[in-house]
Every structure is written in C-alpha cells, then in structure tokens.
Amino acid sequence: MPSELHLQAQVLPGNKIEIQHPELSVGDTVKVSVLLPEKYSSKRSSVLEIIERIHNQRSSSTSAAEIDKYLEEERNSWDS
C-alpha cells in the first residue's frame, strides 16, 4: 500500500467525512489529515473590528428622529 494517499471528500450530513479506497482494509489503522478550504482559514475579527465594521456600514444620513419614527411604526404594526 502506498505510504500516502491524496483523496478529495465532501462533508456529509452530520459533518461527517467518508473515505473509501481499494487499498484500505477493514481494521487498518490510518492517519488522516484534513486541509480546510481557504474560506475557513481566515483570521477571526476582534470585537472592536466587528463594531467598527457595523458602524461604518450604518447610514450616516439617518437621523435619530427618523430611527425613532421607524421604530414607532414597527411597534404599531405589531398591534394590527
């Protein structure tokens, strides 16, 4: 059996990965390494970075009065 196999697998329901190869036998002990796609290896944002991103996305043209009016309309729609 080769000392190393390079296979591609798809994550199944339940976050499971199934590996099949004709040179593997029931009861064999193998070592498995999983390389995650690029999207999973991105660095995590700090809380401050998240808050800054939300602040930057907020529309600066919306006044406090407009926000209050919108919230009041939303509350009133709950009662109807």
C-alpha atoms as a PDB file:
ATOM      1  CA  MET A   1       0.000   0.000   0.000  1.00  0.00           C
ATOM      2  CA  PRO A   2       1.304   3.490  -0.773  1.00  0.00           C
ATOM      3  CA  SER A   3       2.523   5.466   2.208  1.00  0.00           C
ATOM      4  CA  GLU A   4       0.347   8.435   1.306  1.00  0.00           C
ATOM      5  CA  LEU A   5      -2.987   8.852  -0.466  1.00  0.00           C
ATOM      6  CA  HIS A   6      -4.372  12.145  -1.708  1.00  0.00           C
ATOM      7  CA  LEU A   7      -8.146  11.990  -1.869  1.00  0.00           C
ATOM      8  CA  GLN A   8     -10.888  14.578  -2.023  1.00  0.00           C
ATOM      9  CA  ALA A   9     -14.029  14.138   0.054  1.00  0.00           C
ATOM     10  CA  GLN A  10     -17.252  16.024   0.587  1.00  0.00           C
ATOM     11  CA  VAL A  11     -18.579  16.745   4.066  1.00  0.00           C
ATOM     12  CA  LEU A  12     -21.748  14.701   4.560  1.00  0.00           C
ATOM     13  CA  PRO A  13     -24.770  15.471   6.734  1.00  0.00           C
ATOM     14  CA  GLY A  14     -23.800  15.429  10.379  1.00  0.00           C
ATOM     15  CA  ASN A  15     -20.403  16.963   9.476  1.00  0.00           C
ATOM     16  CA  LYS A  16     -19.021  13.532   8.576  1.00  0.00           C
ATOM     17  CA  ILE A  17     -16.392  12.608   6.010  1.00  0.00           C
ATOM     18  CA  GLU A  18     -16.319   9.150   4.441  1.00  0.00           C
ATOM     19  CA  ILE A  19     -13.104   7.803   2.917  1.00  0.00           C
ATOM     20  CA  GLN A  20     -13.054   4.797   0.594  1.00  0.00           C
ATOM     21  CA  HIS A  21     -10.074   3.364  -1.235  1.00  0.00           C
ATOM     22  CA  PRO A  22      -9.491  -0.133  -2.654  1.00  0.00           C
ATOM     23  CA  GLU A  23      -6.151  -0.453  -0.850  1.00  0.00           C
ATOM     24  CA  LEU A  24      -7.682   0.137   2.589  1.00  0.00           C
ATOM     25  CA  SER A  25      -8.835  -2.906   4.504  1.00  0.00           C
ATOM     26  CA  VAL A  26     -11.287  -3.211   7.375  1.00  0.00           C
ATOM     27  CA  GLY A  27      -9.371  -2.808  10.622  1.00  0.00           C
ATOM     28  CA  ASP A  28      -6.430  -0.888   9.111  1.00  0.00           C
ATOM     29  CA  THR A  29      -5.142   1.957  11.253  1.00  0.00           C
ATOM     30  CA  VAL A  30      -4.568   5.117   9.244  1.00  0.00           C
ATOM     31  CA  LYS A  31      -3.659   8.727   9.945  1.00  0.00           C
ATOM     32  CA  VAL A  32      -5.940  11.322   8.406  1.00  0.00           C
ATOM     33  CA  SER A  33      -5.120  14.994   7.780  1.00  0.00           C
ATOM     34  CA  VAL A  34      -7.818  17.406   6.697  1.00  0.00           C
ATOM     35  CA  LEU A  35      -6.982  20.581   4.777  1.00  0.00           C
ATOM     36  CA  LEU A  36      -9.722  23.164   5.052  1.00  0.00           C
ATOM     37  CA  PRO A  37     -10.626  25.386   2.113  1.00  0.00           C
ATOM     38  CA  GLU A  38      -9.310  28.942   2.170  1.00  0.00           C
ATOM     39  CA  LYS A  39     -12.616  30.324   3.496  1.00  0.00           C
ATOM     40  CA  TYR A  40     -12.149  28.502   6.802  1.00  0.00           C
ATOM     41  CA  SER A  41      -8.623  29.651   7.445  1.00  0.00           C
ATOM     42  CA  SER A  42      -9.364  33.380   7.623  1.00  0.00           C
ATOM     43  CA  LYS A  43      -8.404  35.180  10.806  1.00  0.00           C
ATOM     44  CA  ARG A  44     -11.138  35.913  13.302  1.00  0.00           C
ATOM     45  CA  SER A  45     -12.133  39.525  13.809  1.00  0.00           C
ATOM     46  CA  SER A  46     -11.844  41.162  17.196  1.00  0.00           C
ATOM     47  CA  VAL A  47     -14.922  42.637  18.833  1.00  0.00           C
ATOM     48  CA  LEU A  48     -13.621  46.132  18.125  1.00  0.00           C
ATOM     49  CA  GLU A  49     -13.179  45.318  14.425  1.00  0.00           C
ATOM     50  CA  ILE A  50     -16.742  43.992  14.242  1.00  0.00           C
ATOM     51  CA  ILE A  51     -18.147  47.088  15.961  1.00  0.00           C
ATOM     52  CA  GLU A  52     -16.150  49.351  13.651  1.00  0.00           C
ATOM     53  CA  ARG A  53     -17.392  47.448  10.583  1.00  0.00           C
ATOM     54  CA  ILE A  54     -21.025  47.778  11.752  1.00  0.00           C
ATOM     55  CA  HIS A  55     -20.507  51.477  12.486  1.00  0.00           C
ATOM     56  CA  ASN A  56     -19.052  52.040   9.006  1.00  0.00           C
ATOM     57  CA  GLN A  57     -21.973  50.238   7.343  1.00  0.00           C
ATOM     58  CA  ARG A  58     -24.545  52.335   9.187  1.00  0.00           C
ATOM     59  CA  SER A  59     -26.137  55.016   7.057  1.00  0.00           C
ATOM     60  CA  SER A  60     -24.909  58.397   8.286  1.00  0.00           C
ATOM     61  CA  SER A  61     -27.857  60.160   6.633  1.00  0.00           C
ATOM     62  CA  THR A  62     -30.385  58.593   9.024  1.00  0.00           C
ATOM     63  CA  SER A  63     -31.228  60.925  11.893  1.00  0.00           C
ATOM     64  CA  ALA A  64     -32.255  59.882  15.383  1.00  0.00           C
ATOM     65  CA  ALA A  65     -35.750  61.221  14.689  1.00  0.00           C
ATOM     66  CA  GLU A  66     -36.052  59.055  11.568  1.00  0.00           C
ATOM     67  CA  ILE A  67     -34.924  55.995  13.532  1.00  0.00           C
ATOM     68  CA  ASP A  68     -37.453  56.748  16.295  1.00  0.00           C
ATOM     69  CA  LYS A  69     -40.220  57.166  13.695  1.00  0.00           C
ATOM     70  CA  TYR A  70     -39.290  53.842  12.055  1.00  0.00           C
ATOM     71  CA  LEU A  71     -39.287  52.030  15.422  1.00  0.00           C
ATOM     72  CA  GLU A  72     -42.648  53.554  16.346  1.00  0.00           C
ATOM     73  CA  GLU A  73     -44.132  52.382  13.024  1.00  0.00           C
ATOM     74  CA  GLU A  74     -42.749  48.892  13.632  1.00  0.00           C
ATOM     75  CA  ARG A  75     -44.223  48.763  17.146  1.00  0.00           C
ATOM     76  CA  ASN A  76     -47.587  49.950  15.835  1.00  0.00           C
ATOM     77  CA  SER A  77     -47.570  47.224  13.152  1.00  0.00           C
ATOM     78  CA  TRP A  78     -47.273  44.555  15.867  1.00  0.00           C
ATOM     79  CA  ASP A  79     -50.665  45.557  17.276  1.00  0.00           C
ATOM     80  CA  SER A  80     -52.509  45.397  13.933  1.00  0.00           C
END
